[in-house]
């Protein structure tokens, strides 16, 4: 997972430099807004890998580490996801000279952005439900079902990534290729180890 994060960070730097995002204040704000989105999504993908209980993951050295990472990252991911929208809105507000709230409402009307906002709410709700104070009140079975909100939340955000993700639309295809491979890798692991294998290939 750290290797994946390092690859994404390097590609983000290269893409941001290619797009000239480091040349002025508005560009820097957008660059860090994109980085927040990438960090939050990378964290969610890592969470989904841990939740998939993939057999290859269990066999890795230091088996308890993924579980500890799962708990700690769950507290950090919302910060990244919450930072992304205001940074992006701030960029377009600086660029167009429009007030922040007016720009925020305008961005919400863009393709797939409202769905992404709903997805963010679901992801943060899943994290809040995992906090010890909440989990103790709702009980383990209900908490486990609510944790599935992570899948729905991530699914709702993919549309705006594909339609509006500046890093994915750069003519240089390296970033988009790496990103799509990570999405596919995580999705296939979750599908196989959480659904298909337990239901169809494990005898009771």
Foldseek 3Di string as FASTA:
>chain_A
DVVLVVVLVVLLVVLLVVVVLVVDDLSVLLSLLLVLVVLLVVLLLLLLLVVLPFPVQCPDPPNCVSVVSNLVSLVVSLVSVVSNLQSNLVSVCVVVVHDSVVSSVVVCPDPLNVLLVVLSVLSNVLSVCPPPVNCVVVDDVVNVVSNCSSVVSVVSNVRCCVVPVPSCPPPPNPSVVSVVVSVVVSVVSNCVRVPVCVVPPDDD
